Amino acid sequence: MNRRSMKGLTLLAAGMAAVGALTAAPAQAATTATTTATETCSPWSLQSGLMTQVCASITGDSVQFLGRIALAGPPTPDFPPQPQVLSTTLSGTVVGGSSLGSIAQNVNFLASTVTVNGPTATVACGSTVSGTFGVSKFGWGPSPVTVNAAVPC
């Protein structure tokens, strides 16, 4: 190759390297805030062969209350569980403040654990919330369970 061809190839290679450097900008890391949910639950409470529990699920400044209903023990083959229509009430408040709402609904229950979704609200960080879950049916009244949970900052 002659000197002129070498010079042209050198310039071409330098130009290609510059273009490659410009187009191969470093990838920037995605900055997504991941907020994890924390769940604070009451102890299970026994009521007429059923267990009930209330939980506060907190993600950031959002709170949702959940009620759970389960059998108090394993079903027996001699006495299989019978379907039941249960009346539930699930409510939430900011301790020392306002109500976050209340939901009343009927739930069909057989043997599997049932989760009842309650009110959801945005609450200021540092607040304490309280949830109450009551279950009743014809013949017996509710024996509500309560949970308190702090909304972290």
C-alpha atoms as a PDB file:
ATOM      1  CA  MET A   1       0.000   0.000   0.000  1.00  0.00           C
ATOM      2  CA  ASN A   2       1.145   3.471  -0.618  1.00  0.00           C
ATOM      3  CA  ARG A   3       1.463   6.225   1.888  1.00  0.00           C
ATOM      4  CA  ARG A   4      -1.681   7.990   0.779  1.00  0.00           C
ATOM      5  CA  SER A   5      -3.820   4.833   1.157  1.00  0.00           C
ATOM      6  CA  MET A   6      -2.391   4.196   4.615  1.00  0.00           C
ATOM      7  CA  LYS A   7      -3.171   7.750   5.664  1.00  0.00           C
ATOM      8  CA  GLY A   8      -6.762   7.368   4.379  1.00  0.00           C
ATOM      9  CA  LEU A   9      -7.228   4.085   6.205  1.00  0.00           C
ATOM     10  CA  THR A  10      -5.865   5.609   9.397  1.00  0.00           C
ATOM     11  CA  LEU A  11      -8.275   8.539   9.120  1.00  0.00           C
ATOM     12  CA  LEU A  12     -11.143   6.168   8.347  1.00  0.00           C
ATOM     13  CA  ALA A  13     -10.328   3.981  11.363  1.00  0.00           C
ATOM     14  CA  ALA A  14     -10.074   7.034  13.624  1.00  0.00           C
ATOM     15  CA  GLY A  15     -13.419   8.310  12.364  1.00  0.00           C
ATOM     16  CA  MET A  16     -15.080   4.936  12.915  1.00  0.00           C
ATOM     17  CA  ALA A  17     -13.679   4.782  16.447  1.00  0.00           C
ATOM     18  CA  ALA A  18     -15.065   8.239  17.192  1.00  0.00           C
ATOM     19  CA  VAL A  19     -18.502   7.286  15.848  1.00  0.00           C
ATOM     20  CA  GLY A  20     -18.419   4.083  17.891  1.00  0.00           C
ATOM     21  CA  ALA A  21     -17.531   6.018  21.034  1.00  0.00           C
ATOM     22  CA  LEU A  22     -20.396   8.433  20.487  1.00  0.00           C
ATOM     23  CA  THR A  23     -22.992   5.742  19.862  1.00  0.00           C
ATOM     24  CA  ALA A  24     -21.834   3.425  22.623  1.00  0.00           C
ATOM     25  CA  ALA A  25     -22.744   5.721  25.487  1.00  0.00           C
ATOM     26  CA  PRO A  26     -22.786   3.905  28.809  1.00  0.00           C
ATOM     27  CA  ALA A  27     -26.168   2.535  29.769  1.00  0.00           C
ATOM     28  CA  GLN A  28     -27.617   4.340  32.728  1.00  0.00           C
ATOM     29  CA  ALA A  29     -29.027   2.296  35.562  1.00  0.00           C
ATOM     30  CA  ALA A  30     -32.775   2.501  35.938  1.00  0.00           C
ATOM     31  CA  THR A  31     -33.721   4.238  39.144  1.00  0.00           C
ATOM     32  CA  THR A  32     -37.023   2.778  40.220  1.00  0.00           C
ATOM     33  CA  ALA A  33     -38.146   3.174  43.769  1.00  0.00           C
ATOM     34  CA  THR A  34     -39.162  -0.149  45.207  1.00  0.00           C
ATOM     35  CA  THR A  35     -41.530   0.112  48.105  1.00  0.00           C
ATOM     36  CA  THR A  36     -42.228  -3.096  49.927  1.00  0.00           C
ATOM     37  CA  ALA A  37     -45.439  -3.890  51.696  1.00  0.00           C
ATOM     38  CA  THR A  38     -45.381  -4.714  55.379  1.00  0.00           C
ATOM     39  CA  GLU A  39     -48.235  -6.526  57.028  1.00  0.00           C
ATOM     40  CA  THR A  40     -49.055  -6.258  60.723  1.00  0.00           C
ATOM     41  CA  CYS A  41     -51.672  -8.714  61.954  1.00  0.00           C
ATOM     42  CA  SER A  42     -53.618  -9.361  65.137  1.00  0.00           C
ATOM     43  CA  PRO A  43     -53.352 -12.762  66.772  1.00  0.00           C
ATOM     44  CA  TRP A  44     -55.922 -15.283  65.558  1.00  0.00           C
ATOM     45  CA  SER A  45     -59.059 -15.248  67.712  1.00  0.00           C
ATOM     46  CA  LEU A  46     -61.392 -18.208  68.281  1.00  0.00           C
ATOM     47  CA  GLN A  47     -65.086 -17.708  67.635  1.00  0.00           C
ATOM     48  CA  SER A  48     -67.637 -20.567  67.301  1.00  0.00           C
ATOM     49  CA  GLY A  49     -65.307 -23.000  65.554  1.00  0.00           C
ATOM     50  CA  LEU A  50     -63.767 -20.300  63.392  1.00  0.00           C
ATOM     51  CA  MET A  51     -60.564 -18.312  63.681  1.00  0.00           C
ATOM     52  CA  THR A  52     -60.542 -14.628  62.747  1.00  0.00           C
ATOM     53  CA  GLN A  53     -57.703 -12.174  62.211  1.00  0.00           C
ATOM     54  CA  VAL A  54     -57.320  -8.579  61.001  1.00  0.00           C
ATOM     55  CA  CYS A  55     -54.244  -7.181  59.245  1.00  0.00           C
ATOM     56  CA  ALA A  56     -52.995  -3.782  58.100  1.00  0.00           C
ATOM     57  CA  SER A  57     -50.979  -3.980  54.869  1.00  0.00           C
ATOM     58  CA  ILE A  58     -48.828  -0.847  54.512  1.00  0.00           C
ATOM     59  CA  THR A  59     -46.987   0.194  51.340  1.00  0.00           C
ATOM     60  CA  GLY A  60     -45.421   3.639  51.611  1.00  0.00           C
ATOM     61  CA  ASP A  61     -48.238   5.867  52.866  1.00  0.00           C
ATOM     62  CA  SER A  62     -51.023   3.568  51.609  1.00  0.00           C
ATOM     63  CA  VAL A  63     -52.847   1.326  54.093  1.00  0.00           C
ATOM     64  CA  GLN A  64     -55.264  -1.490  53.331  1.00  0.00           C
ATOM     65  CA  PHE A  65     -57.076  -3.505  55.970  1.00  0.00           C
ATOM     66  CA  LEU A  66     -57.689  -7.226  55.480  1.00  0.00           C
ATOM     67  CA  GLY A  67     -59.794  -9.668  57.479  1.00  0.00           C
ATOM     68  CA  ARG A  68     -59.205 -13.415  57.478  1.00  0.00           C
ATOM     69  CA  ILE A  69     -61.513 -16.273  58.426  1.00  0.00           C
ATOM     70  CA  ALA A  70     -60.315 -19.875  58.839  1.00  0.00           C
ATOM     71  CA  LEU A  71     -61.432 -23.104  60.463  1.00  0.00           C
ATOM     72  CA  ALA A  72     -60.288 -23.459  64.059  1.00  0.00           C
ATOM     73  CA  GLY A  73     -59.082 -26.997  63.363  1.00  0.00           C
ATOM     74  CA  PRO A  74     -58.940 -29.566  60.611  1.00  0.00           C
ATOM     75  CA  PRO A  75     -62.266 -30.856  59.296  1.00  0.00           C
ATOM     76  CA  THR A  76     -63.113 -34.434  60.232  1.00  0.00           C
ATOM     77  CA  PRO A  77     -64.521 -36.987  57.799  1.00  0.00           C
ATOM     78  CA  ASP A  78     -67.419 -37.726  60.189  1.00  0.00           C
ATOM     79  CA  PHE A  79     -68.445 -34.061  60.381  1.00  0.00           C
ATOM     80  CA  PRO A  80     -67.469 -32.275  57.162  1.00  0.00           C
ATOM     81  CA  PRO A  81     -67.748 -28.496  57.296  1.00  0.00           C
ATOM     82  CA  GLN A  82     -71.046 -27.045  56.163  1.00  0.00           C
ATOM     83  CA  PRO A  83     -71.279 -23.936  53.993  1.00  0.00           C
ATOM     84  CA  GLN A  84     -71.949 -20.838  56.062  1.00  0.00           C
ATOM     85  CA  VAL A  85     -72.977 -17.323  55.142  1.00  0.00           C
ATOM     86  CA  LEU A  86     -71.108 -14.993  57.462  1.00  0.00           C
ATOM     87  CA  SER A  87     -71.681 -11.277  57.968  1.00  0.00           C
ATOM     88  CA  THR A  88     -68.423  -9.351  58.204  1.00  0.00           C
ATOM     89  CA  THR A  89     -67.555  -5.783  59.121  1.00  0.00           C
ATOM     90  CA  LEU A  90     -64.068  -4.396  58.545  1.00  0.00           C
ATOM     91  CA  SER A  91     -63.183  -0.840  59.508  1.00  0.00           C
ATOM     92  CA  GLY A  92     -60.123   1.321  59.914  1.00  0.00           C
ATOM     93  CA  THR A  93     -59.218   4.570  61.645  1.00  0.00           C
ATOM     94  CA  VAL A  94     -56.238   6.794  62.245  1.00  0.00           C
ATOM     95  CA  VAL A  95     -55.649   6.555  66.002  1.00  0.00           C
ATOM     96  CA  GLY A  96     -56.763   9.860  67.488  1.00  0.00           C
ATOM     97  CA  GLY A  97     -58.034  10.974  64.084  1.00  0.00           C
ATOM     98  CA  SER A  98     -60.493  10.258  61.341  1.00  0.00           C
ATOM     99  CA  SER A  99     -62.184   7.127  60.066  1.00  0.00           C
ATOM    100  CA  LEU A 100     -60.612   5.453  57.040  1.00  0.00           C
ATOM    101  CA  GLY A 101     -63.867   3.737  56.166  1.00  0.00           C
ATOM    102  CA  SER A 102     -65.876   0.638  56.915  1.00  0.00           C
ATOM    103  CA  ILE A 103     -66.994  -2.220  54.704  1.00  0.00           C
ATOM    104  CA  ALA A 104     -69.789  -4.645  55.592  1.00  0.00           C
ATOM    105  CA  GLN A 105     -70.401  -7.690  53.424  1.00  0.00           C
ATOM    106  CA  ASN A 106     -71.642 -11.251  53.472  1.00  0.00           C
ATOM    107  CA  VAL A 107     -69.065 -13.970  52.832  1.00  0.00           C
ATOM    108  CA  ASN A 108     -69.630 -17.602  51.829  1.00  0.00           C
ATOM    109  CA  PHE A 109     -67.373 -19.792  53.936  1.00  0.00           C
ATOM    110  CA  LEU A 110     -66.774 -23.530  53.717  1.00  0.00           C
ATOM    111  CA  ALA A 111     -63.353 -24.738  54.856  1.00  0.00           C
ATOM    112  CA  SER A 112     -60.622 -22.744  53.090  1.00  0.00           C
ATOM    113  CA  THR A 113     -59.272 -19.543  54.572  1.00  0.00           C
ATOM    114  CA  VAL A 114     -61.140 -16.520  53.214  1.00  0.00           C
ATOM    115  CA  THR A 115     -59.635 -13.036  52.970  1.00  0.00           C
ATOM    116  CA  VAL A 116     -61.975 -10.042  53.129  1.00  0.00           C
ATOM    117  CA  ASN A 117     -60.637  -6.816  51.613  1.00  0.00           C
ATOM    118  CA  GLY A 118     -61.379  -3.722  53.642  1.00  0.00           C
ATOM    119  CA  PRO A 119     -60.882  -0.003  53.296  1.00  0.00           C
ATOM    120  CA  THR A 120     -57.771   1.442  51.658  1.00  0.00           C
ATOM    121  CA  ALA A 121     -56.514   4.944  52.388  1.00  0.00           C
ATOM    122  CA  THR A 122     -53.505   7.227  52.164  1.00  0.00           C
ATOM    123  CA  VAL A 123     -52.201   8.123  55.617  1.00  0.00           C
ATOM    124  CA  ALA A 124     -49.496  10.520  56.750  1.00  0.00           C
ATOM    125  CA  CYS A 125     -46.247   8.841  57.711  1.00  0.00           C
ATOM    126  CA  GLY A 126     -45.741   8.558  61.448  1.00  0.00           C
ATOM    127  CA  SER A 127     -49.456   7.935  62.005  1.00  0.00           C
ATOM    128  CA  THR A 128     -50.805   4.894  63.795  1.00  0.00           C
ATOM    129  CA  VAL A 129     -53.764   3.134  62.215  1.00  0.00           C
ATOM    130  CA  SER A 130     -56.209   0.736  63.821  1.00  0.00           C
ATOM    131  CA  GLY A 131     -58.316  -1.908  62.090  1.00  0.00           C
ATOM    132  CA  THR A 132     -61.226  -3.903  63.493  1.00  0.00           C
ATOM    133  CA  PHE A 133     -62.759  -7.043  61.974  1.00  0.00           C
ATOM    134  CA  GLY A 134     -65.970  -8.655  63.196  1.00  0.00           C
ATOM    135  CA  VAL A 135     -67.694 -11.799  61.950  1.00  0.00           C
ATOM    136  CA  SER A 136     -71.200 -12.926  62.869  1.00  0.00           C
ATOM    137  CA  LYS A 137     -73.952 -15.193  61.639  1.00  0.00           C
ATOM    138  CA  PHE A 138     -77.461 -16.045  62.700  1.00  0.00           C
ATOM    139  CA  GLY A 139     -77.290 -17.288  66.280  1.00  0.00           C
ATOM    140  CA  TRP A 140     -74.050 -15.641  67.363  1.00  0.00           C
ATOM    141  CA  GLY A 141     -72.753 -12.120  67.426  1.00  0.00           C
ATOM    142  CA  PRO A 142     -69.357 -10.757  66.510  1.00  0.00           C
ATOM    143  CA  SER A 143     -66.253 -10.991  68.642  1.00  0.00           C
ATOM    144  CA  PRO A 144     -64.129  -8.364  66.878  1.00  0.00           C
ATOM    145  CA  VAL A 145     -60.349  -8.541  66.561  1.00  0.00           C
ATOM    146  CA  THR A 146     -58.219  -5.390  66.399  1.00  0.00           C
ATOM    147  CA  VAL A 147     -54.766  -4.485  65.105  1.00  0.00           C
ATOM    148  CA  ASN A 148     -52.704  -1.311  65.448  1.00  0.00           C
ATOM    149  CA  ALA A 149     -49.867  -0.501  63.041  1.00  0.00           C
ATOM    150  CA  ALA A 150     -47.506   2.430  62.547  1.00  0.00           C
ATOM    151  CA  VAL A 151     -47.072   3.980  59.098  1.00  0.00           C
ATOM    152  CA  PRO A 152     -43.285   4.374  58.687  1.00  0.00           C
ATOM    153  CA  CYS A 153     -41.591   7.500  57.366  1.00  0.00           C
END
